[in-house]
mmCIF file of all heavy atoms, coordinates in Angstrom:
data_MODEL
# 
_entry.id   MODEL 
# 
loop_
_atom_site.group_PDB 
_atom_site.id 
_atom_site.type_symbol 
_atom_site.label_atom_id 
_atom_site.label_alt_id 
_atom_site.label_comp_id 
_atom_site.label_asym_id 
_atom_site.label_entity_id 
_atom_site.label_seq_id 
_atom_site.pdbx_PDB_ins_code 
_atom_site.Cartn_x 
_atom_site.Cartn_y 
_atom_site.Cartn_z 
_atom_site.occupancy 
_atom_site.B_iso_or_equiv 
_atom_site.pdbx_formal_charge 
_atom_site.auth_seq_id 
_atom_site.auth_comp_id 
_atom_site.auth_asym_id 
_atom_site.auth_atom_id 
_atom_site.pdbx_PDB_model_num 
ATOM 1   N N   . GLY A 1 1  ? -2.373 -32.588 -51.949 1.00 0.00 ? 1  GLY A N   1 
ATOM 2   C CA  . GLY A 1 1  ? -3.111 -33.474 -52.853 1.00 0.00 ? 1  GLY A CA  1 
ATOM 3   C C   . GLY A 1 1  ? -2.243 -34.478 -53.563 1.00 0.00 ? 1  GLY A C   1 
ATOM 4   O O   . GLY A 1 1  ? -2.698 -35.553 -53.943 1.00 0.00 ? 1  GLY A O   1 
ATOM 5   N N   . ARG A 1 2  ? -0.975 -34.153 -53.787 1.00 0.00 ? 2  ARG A N   1 
ATOM 6   C CA  . ARG A 1 2  ? -0.025 -35.024 -54.482 1.00 0.00 ? 2  ARG A CA  1 
ATOM 7   C C   . ARG A 1 2  ? -0.523 -35.481 -55.848 1.00 0.00 ? 2  ARG A C   1 
ATOM 8   O O   . ARG A 1 2  ? -0.289 -36.600 -56.264 1.00 0.00 ? 2  ARG A O   1 
ATOM 9   C CB  . ARG A 1 2  ? 0.314  -36.259 -53.633 1.00 0.00 ? 2  ARG A CB  1 
ATOM 10  C CG  . ARG A 1 2  ? 1.013  -35.891 -52.340 1.00 0.00 ? 2  ARG A CG  1 
ATOM 11  C CD  . ARG A 1 2  ? 1.351  -37.113 -51.537 1.00 0.00 ? 2  ARG A CD  1 
ATOM 12  N NE  . ARG A 1 2  ? 1.867  -36.729 -50.245 1.00 0.00 ? 2  ARG A NE  1 
ATOM 13  C CZ  . ARG A 1 2  ? 3.022  -37.112 -49.758 1.00 0.00 ? 2  ARG A CZ  1 
ATOM 14  N NH1 . ARG A 1 2  ? 3.790  -37.905 -50.455 1.00 0.00 ? 2  ARG A NH1 1 
ATOM 15  N NH2 . ARG A 1 2  ? 3.416  -36.720 -48.577 1.00 0.00 ? 2  ARG A NH2 1 
ATOM 16  N N   . ARG A 1 3  ? -1.220 -34.575 -56.530 1.00 0.00 ? 3  ARG A N   1 
ATOM 17  C CA  . ARG A 1 3  ? -1.655 -34.881 -57.897 1.00 0.00 ? 3  ARG A CA  1 
ATOM 18  C C   . ARG A 1 3  ? -1.020 -33.864 -58.827 1.00 0.00 ? 3  ARG A C   1 
ATOM 19  O O   . ARG A 1 3  ? -1.078 -32.648 -58.557 1.00 0.00 ? 3  ARG A O   1 
ATOM 20  C CB  . ARG A 1 3  ? -3.184 -34.819 -58.021 1.00 0.00 ? 3  ARG A CB  1 
ATOM 21  C CG  . ARG A 1 3  ? -3.868 -35.997 -57.321 1.00 0.00 ? 3  ARG A CG  1 
ATOM 22  C CD  . ARG A 1 3  ? -5.316 -36.109 -57.704 1.00 0.00 ? 3  ARG A CD  1 
ATOM 23  N NE  . ARG A 1 3  ? -6.044 -34.864 -57.435 1.00 0.00 ? 3  ARG A NE  1 
ATOM 24  C CZ  . ARG A 1 3  ? -7.302 -34.818 -57.060 1.00 0.00 ? 3  ARG A CZ  1 
ATOM 25  N NH1 . ARG A 1 3  ? -7.987 -35.916 -56.898 1.00 0.00 ? 3  ARG A NH1 1 
ATOM 26  N NH2 . ARG A 1 3  ? -7.895 -33.670 -56.851 1.00 0.00 ? 3  ARG A NH2 1 
ATOM 27  N N   . PRO A 1 4  ? -0.409 -34.291 -59.938 1.00 0.00 ? 4  PRO A N   1 
ATOM 28  C CA  . PRO A 1 4  ? 0.290  -33.366 -60.843 1.00 0.00 ? 4  PRO A CA  1 
ATOM 29  C C   . PRO A 1 4  ? -0.599 -32.226 -61.355 1.00 0.00 ? 4  PRO A C   1 
ATOM 30  O O   . PRO A 1 4  ? -0.134 -31.109 -61.525 1.00 0.00 ? 4  PRO A O   1 
ATOM 31  C CB  . PRO A 1 4  ? 0.746  -34.263 -61.995 1.00 0.00 ? 4  PRO A CB  1 
ATOM 32  C CG  . PRO A 1 4  ? 0.822  -35.629 -61.393 1.00 0.00 ? 4  PRO A CG  1 
ATOM 33  C CD  . PRO A 1 4  ? -0.258 -35.698 -60.342 1.00 0.00 ? 4  PRO A CD  1 
ATOM 34  N N   . ALA A 1 5  ? -1.871 -32.505 -61.615 1.00 0.00 ? 5  ALA A N   1 
ATOM 35  C CA  . ALA A 1 5  ? -2.773 -31.486 -62.163 1.00 0.00 ? 5  ALA A CA  1 
ATOM 36  C C   . ALA A 1 5  ? -2.932 -30.304 -61.216 1.00 0.00 ? 5  ALA A C   1 
ATOM 37  O O   . ALA A 1 5  ? -3.212 -29.188 -61.651 1.00 0.00 ? 5  ALA A O   1 
ATOM 38  C CB  . ALA A 1 5  ? -4.132 -32.105 -62.462 1.00 0.00 ? 5  ALA A CB  1 
ATOM 39  N N   . ARG A 1 6  ? -2.715 -30.535 -59.923 1.00 0.00 ? 6  ARG A N   1 
ATOM 40  C CA  . ARG A 1 6  ? -2.875 -29.453 -58.946 1.00 0.00 ? 6  ARG A CA  1 
ATOM 41  C C   . ARG A 1 6  ? -1.743 -28.430 -59.030 1.00 0.00 ? 6  ARG A C   1 
ATOM 42  O O   . ARG A 1 6  ? -1.843 -27.354 -58.448 1.00 0.00 ? 6  ARG A O   1 
ATOM 43  C CB  . ARG A 1 6  ? -2.939 -30.025 -57.533 1.00 0.00 ? 6  ARG A CB  1 
ATOM 44  C CG  . ARG A 1 6  ? -4.256 -30.722 -57.248 1.00 0.00 ? 6  ARG A CG  1 
ATOM 45  C CD  . ARG A 1 6  ? -4.461 -30.869 -55.778 1.00 0.00 ? 6  ARG A CD  1 
ATOM 46  N NE  . ARG A 1 6  ? -5.780 -31.395 -55.478 1.00 0.00 ? 6  ARG A NE  1 
ATOM 47  C CZ  . ARG A 1 6  ? -6.328 -31.390 -54.284 1.00 0.00 ? 6  ARG A CZ  1 
ATOM 48  N NH1 . ARG A 1 6  ? -5.658 -30.884 -53.274 1.00 0.00 ? 6  ARG A NH1 1 
ATOM 49  N NH2 . ARG A 1 6  ? -7.517 -31.880 -54.083 1.00 0.00 ? 6  ARG A NH2 1 
ATOM 50  N N   . TRP A 1 7  ? -0.673 -28.767 -59.736 1.00 0.00 ? 7  TRP A N   1 
ATOM 51  C CA  . TRP A 1 7  ? 0.438  -27.832 -59.871 1.00 0.00 ? 7  TRP A CA  1 
ATOM 52  C C   . TRP A 1 7  ? 0.172  -26.780 -60.959 1.00 0.00 ? 7  TRP A C   1 
ATOM 53  O O   . TRP A 1 7  ? 0.798  -25.725 -60.979 1.00 0.00 ? 7  TRP A O   1 
ATOM 54  C CB  . TRP A 1 7  ? 1.736  -28.576 -60.196 1.00 0.00 ? 7  TRP A CB  1 
ATOM 55  C CG  . TRP A 1 7  ? 2.298  -29.274 -58.985 1.00 0.00 ? 7  TRP A CG  1 
ATOM 56  C CD1 . TRP A 1 7  ? 2.132  -30.581 -58.640 1.00 0.00 ? 7  TRP A CD1 1 
ATOM 57  C CD2 . TRP A 1 7  ? 3.080  -28.672 -57.953 1.00 0.00 ? 7  TRP A CD2 1 
ATOM 58  N NE1 . TRP A 1 7  ? 2.765  -30.853 -57.452 1.00 0.00 ? 7  TRP A NE1 1 
ATOM 59  C CE2 . TRP A 1 7  ? 3.357  -29.697 -57.010 1.00 0.00 ? 7  TRP A CE2 1 
ATOM 60  C CE3 . TRP A 1 7  ? 3.568  -27.393 -57.729 1.00 0.00 ? 7  TRP A CE3 1 
ATOM 61  C CZ2 . TRP A 1 7  ? 4.106  -29.469 -55.868 1.00 0.00 ? 7  TRP A CZ2 1 
ATOM 62  C CZ3 . TRP A 1 7  ? 4.322  -27.162 -56.587 1.00 0.00 ? 7  TRP A CZ3 1 
ATOM 63  C CH2 . TRP A 1 7  ? 4.581  -28.194 -55.671 1.00 0.00 ? 7  TRP A CH2 1 
ATOM 64  N N   . LEU A 1 8  ? -0.761 -27.054 -61.876 1.00 0.00 ? 8  LEU A N   1 
ATOM 65  C CA  . LEU A 1 8  ? -1.017 -26.131 -62.981 1.00 0.00 ? 8  LEU A CA  1 
ATOM 66  C C   . LEU A 1 8  ? -1.480 -24.746 -62.505 1.00 0.00 ? 8  LEU A C   1 
ATOM 67  O O   . LEU A 1 8  ? -0.951 -23.736 -62.975 1.00 0.00 ? 8  LEU A O   1 
ATOM 68  C CB  . LEU A 1 8  ? -2.036 -26.739 -63.953 1.00 0.00 ? 8  LEU A CB  1 
ATOM 69  C CG  . LEU A 1 8  ? -1.541 -27.963 -64.731 1.00 0.00 ? 8  LEU A CG  1 
ATOM 70  C CD1 . LEU A 1 8  ? -2.651 -28.556 -65.581 1.00 0.00 ? 8  LEU A CD1 1 
ATOM 71  C CD2 . LEU A 1 8  ? -0.345 -27.590 -65.605 1.00 0.00 ? 8  LEU A CD2 1 
ATOM 72  N N   . PRO A 1 9  ? -2.443 -24.649 -61.570 1.00 0.00 ? 9  PRO A N   1 
ATOM 73  C CA  . PRO A 1 9  ? -2.824 -23.307 -61.103 1.00 0.00 ? 9  PRO A CA  1 
ATOM 74  C C   . PRO A 1 9  ? -1.670 -22.565 -60.426 1.00 0.00 ? 9  PRO A C   1 
ATOM 75  O O   . PRO A 1 9  ? -1.536 -21.347 -60.571 1.00 0.00 ? 9  PRO A O   1 
ATOM 76  C CB  . PRO A 1 9  ? -3.958 -23.580 -60.102 1.00 0.00 ? 9  PRO A CB  1 
ATOM 77  C CG  . PRO A 1 9  ? -4.489 -24.912 -60.477 1.00 0.00 ? 9  PRO A CG  1 
ATOM 78  C CD  . PRO A 1 9  ? -3.317 -25.684 -60.998 1.00 0.00 ? 9  PRO A CD  1 
ATOM 79  N N   . ALA A 1 10 ? -0.825 -23.313 -59.694 1.00 0.00 ? 10 ALA A N   1 
ATOM 80  C CA  . ALA A 1 10 ? 0.326  -22.671 -59.035 1.00 0.00 ? 10 ALA A CA  1 
ATOM 81  C C   . ALA A 1 10 ? 1.299  -22.110 -60.063 1.00 0.00 ? 10 ALA A C   1 
ATOM 82  O O   . ALA A 1 10 ? 1.807  -20.988 -59.917 1.00 0.00 ? 10 ALA A O   1 
ATOM 83  C CB  . ALA A 1 10 ? 1.033  -23.675 -58.122 1.00 0.00 ? 10 ALA A CB  1 
ATOM 84  N N   . VAL A 1 11 ? 1.558  -22.886 -61.119 1.00 0.00 ? 11 VAL A N   1 
ATOM 85  C CA  . VAL A 1 11 ? 2.448  -22.416 -62.184 1.00 0.00 ? 11 VAL A CA  1 
ATOM 86  C C   . VAL A 1 11 ? 1.849  -21.190 -62.878 1.00 0.00 ? 11 VAL A C   1 
ATOM 87  O O   . VAL A 1 11 ? 2.552  -20.210 -63.171 1.00 0.00 ? 11 VAL A O   1 
ATOM 88  C CB  . VAL A 1 11 ? 2.721  -23.548 -63.204 1.00 0.00 ? 11 VAL A CB  1 
ATOM 89  C CG1 . VAL A 1 11 ? 3.444  -23.014 -64.428 1.00 0.00 ? 11 VAL A CG1 1 
ATOM 90  C CG2 . VAL A 1 11 ? 3.518  -24.662 -62.546 1.00 0.00 ? 11 VAL A CG2 1 
ATOM 91  N N   . ALA A 1 12 ? 0.530  -21.214 -63.124 1.00 0.00 ? 12 ALA A N   1 
ATOM 92  C CA  . ALA A 1 12 ? -0.145 -20.072 -63.749 1.00 0.00 ? 12 ALA A CA  1 
ATOM 93  C C   . ALA A 1 12 ? -0.032 -18.830 -62.865 1.00 0.00 ? 12 ALA A C   1 
ATOM 94  O O   . ALA A 1 12 ? 0.210  -17.722 -63.355 1.00 0.00 ? 12 ALA A O   1 
ATOM 95  C CB  . ALA A 1 12 ? -1.607 -20.409 -64.023 1.00 0.00 ? 12 ALA A CB  1 
ATOM 96  N N   . ALA A 1 13 ? -0.192 -19.003 -61.554 1.00 0.00 ? 13 ALA A N   1 
ATOM 97  C CA  . ALA A 1 13 ? -0.100 -17.872 -60.618 1.00 0.00 ? 13 ALA A CA  1 
ATOM 98  C C   . ALA A 1 13 ? 1.315  -17.295 -60.602 1.00 0.00 ? 13 ALA A C   1 
ATOM 99  O O   . ALA A 1 13 ? 1.491  -16.075 -60.507 1.00 0.00 ? 13 ALA A O   1 
ATOM 100 C CB  . ALA A 1 13 ? -0.528 -18.304 -59.218 1.00 0.00 ? 13 ALA A CB  1 
ATOM 101 N N   . VAL A 1 14 ? 2.334  -18.155 -60.709 1.00 0.00 ? 14 VAL A N   1 
ATOM 102 C CA  . VAL A 1 14 ? 3.722  -17.679 -60.797 1.00 0.00 ? 14 VAL A CA  1 
ATOM 103 C C   . VAL A 1 14 ? 3.889  -16.829 -62.068 1.00 0.00 ? 14 VAL A C   1 
ATOM 104 O O   . VAL A 1 14 ? 4.493  -15.751 -62.041 1.00 0.00 ? 14 VAL A O   1 
ATOM 105 C CB  . VAL A 1 14 ? 4.725  -18.844 -60.798 1.00 0.00 ? 14 VAL A CB  1 
ATOM 106 C CG1 . VAL A 1 14 ? 6.120  -18.374 -61.182 1.00 0.00 ? 14 VAL A CG1 1 
ATOM 107 C CG2 . VAL A 1 14 ? 4.754  -19.521 -59.434 1.00 0.00 ? 14 VAL A CG2 1 
ATOM 108 N N   . GLY A 1 15 ? 3.327  -17.314 -63.169 1.00 0.00 ? 15 GLY A N   1 
ATOM 109 C CA  . GLY A 1 15 ? 3.396  -16.569 -64.433 1.00 0.00 ? 15 GLY A CA  1 
ATOM 110 C C   . GLY A 1 15 ? 2.744  -15.198 -64.325 1.00 0.00 ? 15 GLY A C   1 
ATOM 111 O O   . GLY A 1 15 ? 3.288  -14.199 -64.804 1.00 0.00 ? 15 GLY A O   1 
ATOM 112 N N   . VAL A 1 16 ? 1.575  -15.141 -63.673 1.00 0.00 ? 16 VAL A N   1 
ATOM 113 C CA  . VAL A 1 16 ? 0.872  -13.866 -63.480 1.00 0.00 ? 16 VAL A CA  1 
ATOM 114 C C   . VAL A 1 16 ? 1.707  -12.922 -62.624 1.00 0.00 ? 16 VAL A C   1 
ATOM 115 O O   . VAL A 1 16 ? 1.834  -11.726 -62.916 1.00 0.00 ? 16 VAL A O   1 
ATOM 116 C CB  . VAL A 1 16 ? -0.522 -14.092 -62.861 1.00 0.00 ? 16 VAL A CB  1 
ATOM 117 C CG1 . VAL A 1 16 ? -1.142 -12.775 -62.413 1.00 0.00 ? 16 VAL A CG1 1 
ATOM 118 C CG2 . VAL A 1 16 ? -1.441 -14.800 -63.856 1.00 0.00 ? 16 VAL A CG2 1 
ATOM 119 N N   . ALA A 1 17 ? 2.297  -13.448 -61.554 1.00 0.00 ? 17 ALA A N   1 
ATOM 120 C CA  . ALA A 1 17 ? 3.121  -12.618 -60.659 1.00 0.00 ? 17 ALA A CA  1 
ATOM 121 C C   . ALA A 1 17 ? 4.317  -12.032 -61.412 1.00 0.00 ? 17 ALA A C   1 
ATOM 122 O O   . ALA A 1 17 ? 4.643  -10.848 -61.256 1.00 0.00 ? 17 ALA A O   1 
ATOM 123 C CB  . ALA A 1 17 ? 3.591  -13.436 -59.460 1.00 0.00 ? 17 ALA A CB  1 
ATOM 124 N N   . LEU A 1 18 ? 4.977  -12.860 -62.234 1.00 0.00 ? 18 LEU A N   1 
ATOM 125 C CA  . LEU A 1 18 ? 6.122  -12.376 -63.015 1.00 0.00 ? 18 LEU A CA  1 
ATOM 126 C C   . LEU A 1 18 ? 5.694  -11.326 -64.034 1.00 0.00 ? 18 LEU A C   1 
ATOM 127 O O   . LEU A 1 18 ? 6.374  -10.305 -64.233 1.00 0.00 ? 18 LEU A O   1 
ATOM 128 C CB  . LEU A 1 18 ? 6.813  -13.543 -63.726 1.00 0.00 ? 18 LEU A CB  1 
ATOM 129 C CG  . LEU A 1 18 ? 7.536  -14.540 -62.808 1.00 0.00 ? 18 LEU A CG  1 
ATOM 130 C CD1 . LEU A 1 18 ? 8.018  -15.747 -63.614 1.00 0.00 ? 18 LEU A CD1 1 
ATOM 131 C CD2 . LEU A 1 18 ? 8.704  -13.865 -62.103 1.00 0.00 ? 18 LEU A CD2 1 
ATOM 132 N N   . TRP A 1 19 ? 4.555  -11.551 -64.669 1.00 0.00 ? 19 TRP A N   1 
ATOM 133 C CA  . TRP A 1 19 ? 4.021  -10.607 -65.665 1.00 0.00 ? 19 TRP A CA  1 
ATOM 134 C C   . TRP A 1 19 ? 3.714  -9.262  -65.018 1.00 0.00 ? 19 TRP A C   1 
ATOM 135 O O   . TRP A 1 19 ? 4.071  -8.208  -65.551 1.00 0.00 ? 19 TRP A O   1 
ATOM 136 C CB  . TRP A 1 19 ? 2.775  -11.227 -66.291 1.00 0.00 ? 19 TRP A CB  1 
ATOM 137 C CG  . TRP A 1 19 ? 2.106  -10.400 -67.342 1.00 0.00 ? 19 TRP A CG  1 
ATOM 138 C CD1 . TRP A 1 19 ? 2.601  -10.053 -68.576 1.00 0.00 ? 19 TRP A CD1 1 
ATOM 139 C CD2 . TRP A 1 19 ? 0.807  -9.818  -67.263 1.00 0.00 ? 19 TRP A CD2 1 
ATOM 140 N NE1 . TRP A 1 19 ? 1.679  -9.293  -69.258 1.00 0.00 ? 19 TRP A NE1 1 
ATOM 141 C CE2 . TRP A 1 19 ? 0.570  -9.142  -68.477 1.00 0.00 ? 19 TRP A CE2 1 
ATOM 142 C CE3 . TRP A 1 19 ? -0.184 -9.822  -66.283 1.00 0.00 ? 19 TRP A CE3 1 
ATOM 143 C CZ2 . TRP A 1 19 ? -0.617 -8.468  -68.750 1.00 0.00 ? 19 TRP A CZ2 1 
ATOM 144 C CZ3 . TRP A 1 19 ? -1.371 -9.152  -66.543 1.00 0.00 ? 19 TRP A CZ3 1 
ATOM 145 C CH2 . TRP A 1 19 ? -1.582 -8.476  -67.757 1.00 0.00 ? 19 TRP A CH2 1 
ATOM 146 N N   . LEU A 1 20 ? 3.076  -9.299  -63.840 1.00 0.00 ? 20 LEU A N   1 
ATOM 147 C CA  . LEU A 1 20 ? 2.775  -8.060  -63.121 1.00 0.00 ? 20 LEU A CA  1 
ATOM 148 C C   . LEU A 1 20 ? 4.057  -7.358  -62.670 1.00 0.00 ? 20 LEU A C   1 
ATOM 149 O O   . LEU A 1 20 ? 4.150  -6.130  -62.697 1.00 0.00 ? 20 LEU A O   1 
ATOM 150 C CB  . LEU A 1 20 ? 1.876  -8.350  -61.925 1.00 0.00 ? 20 LEU A CB  1 
ATOM 151 C CG  . LEU A 1 20 ? 0.453  -8.811  -62.256 1.00 0.00 ? 20 LEU A CG  1 
ATOM 152 C CD1 . LEU A 1 20 ? -0.255 -9.307  -60.999 1.00 0.00 ? 20 LEU A CD1 1 
ATOM 153 C CD2 . LEU A 1 20 ? -0.345 -7.686  -62.912 1.00 0.00 ? 20 LEU A CD2 1 
ATOM 154 N N   . GLY A 1 21 ? 5.057  -8.153  -62.262 1.00 0.00 ? 21 GLY A N   1 
ATOM 155 C CA  . GLY A 1 21 ? 6.335  -7.573  -61.866 1.00 0.00 ? 21 GLY A CA  1 
ATOM 156 C C   . GLY A 1 21 ? 7.008  -6.844  -63.020 1.00 0.00 ? 21 GLY A C   1 
ATOM 157 O O   . GLY A 1 21 ? 7.570  -5.755  -62.842 1.00 0.00 ? 21 GLY A O   1 
ATOM 158 N N   . ASN A 1 22 ? 6.934  -7.429  -64.218 1.00 0.00 ? 22 ASN A N   1 
ATOM 159 C CA  . ASN A 1 22 ? 7.472  -6.748  -65.400 1.00 0.00 ? 22 ASN A CA  1 
ATOM 160 C C   . ASN A 1 22 ? 6.735  -5.443  -65.660 1.00 0.00 ? 22 ASN A C   1 
ATOM 161 O O   . ASN A 1 22 ? 7.343  -4.437  -66.028 1.00 0.00 ? 22 ASN A O   1 
ATOM 162 C CB  . ASN A 1 22 ? 7.389  -7.655  -66.635 1.00 0.00 ? 22 ASN A CB  1 
ATOM 163 C CG  . ASN A 1 22 ? 8.461  -8.709  -66.646 1.00 0.00 ? 22 ASN A CG  1 
ATOM 164 O OD1 . ASN A 1 22 ? 9.513  -8.542  -66.048 1.00 0.00 ? 22 ASN A OD1 1 
ATOM 165 N ND2 . ASN A 1 22 ? 8.202  -9.816  -67.325 1.00 0.00 ? 22 ASN A ND2 1 
ATOM 166 N N   . GLY A 1 23 ? 5.418  -5.463  -65.465 1.00 0.00 ? 23 GLY A N   1 
ATOM 167 C CA  . GLY A 1 23 ? 4.630  -4.242  -65.641 1.00 0.00 ? 23 GLY A CA  1 
ATOM 168 C C   . GLY A 1 23 ? 5.047  -3.162  -64.664 1.00 0.00 ? 23 GLY A C   1 
ATOM 169 O O   . GLY A 1 23 ? 5.134  -1.983  -65.020 1.00 0.00 ? 23 GLY A O   1 
ATOM 170 N N   . ALA A 1 24 ? 5.337  -3.544  -63.428 1.00 0.00 ? 24 ALA A N   1 
ATOM 171 C CA  . ALA A 1 24 ? 5.765  -2.578  -62.411 1.00 0.00 ? 24 ALA A CA  1 
ATOM 172 C C   . ALA A 1 24 ? 7.123  -1.972  -62.772 1.00 0.00 ? 24 ALA A C   1 
ATOM 173 O O   . ALA A 1 24 ? 7.435  -0.846  -62.364 1.00 0.00 ? 24 ALA A O   1 
ATOM 174 C CB  . ALA A 1 24 ? 5.829  -3.242  -61.040 1.00 0.00 ? 24 ALA A CB  1 
# 
């Protein structure tokens, strides 16, 4: 898409993955 706004969900998903990893 080459639109900056499309990166926000990807960044949020990275945050969720890191949070879950800390929980593990």
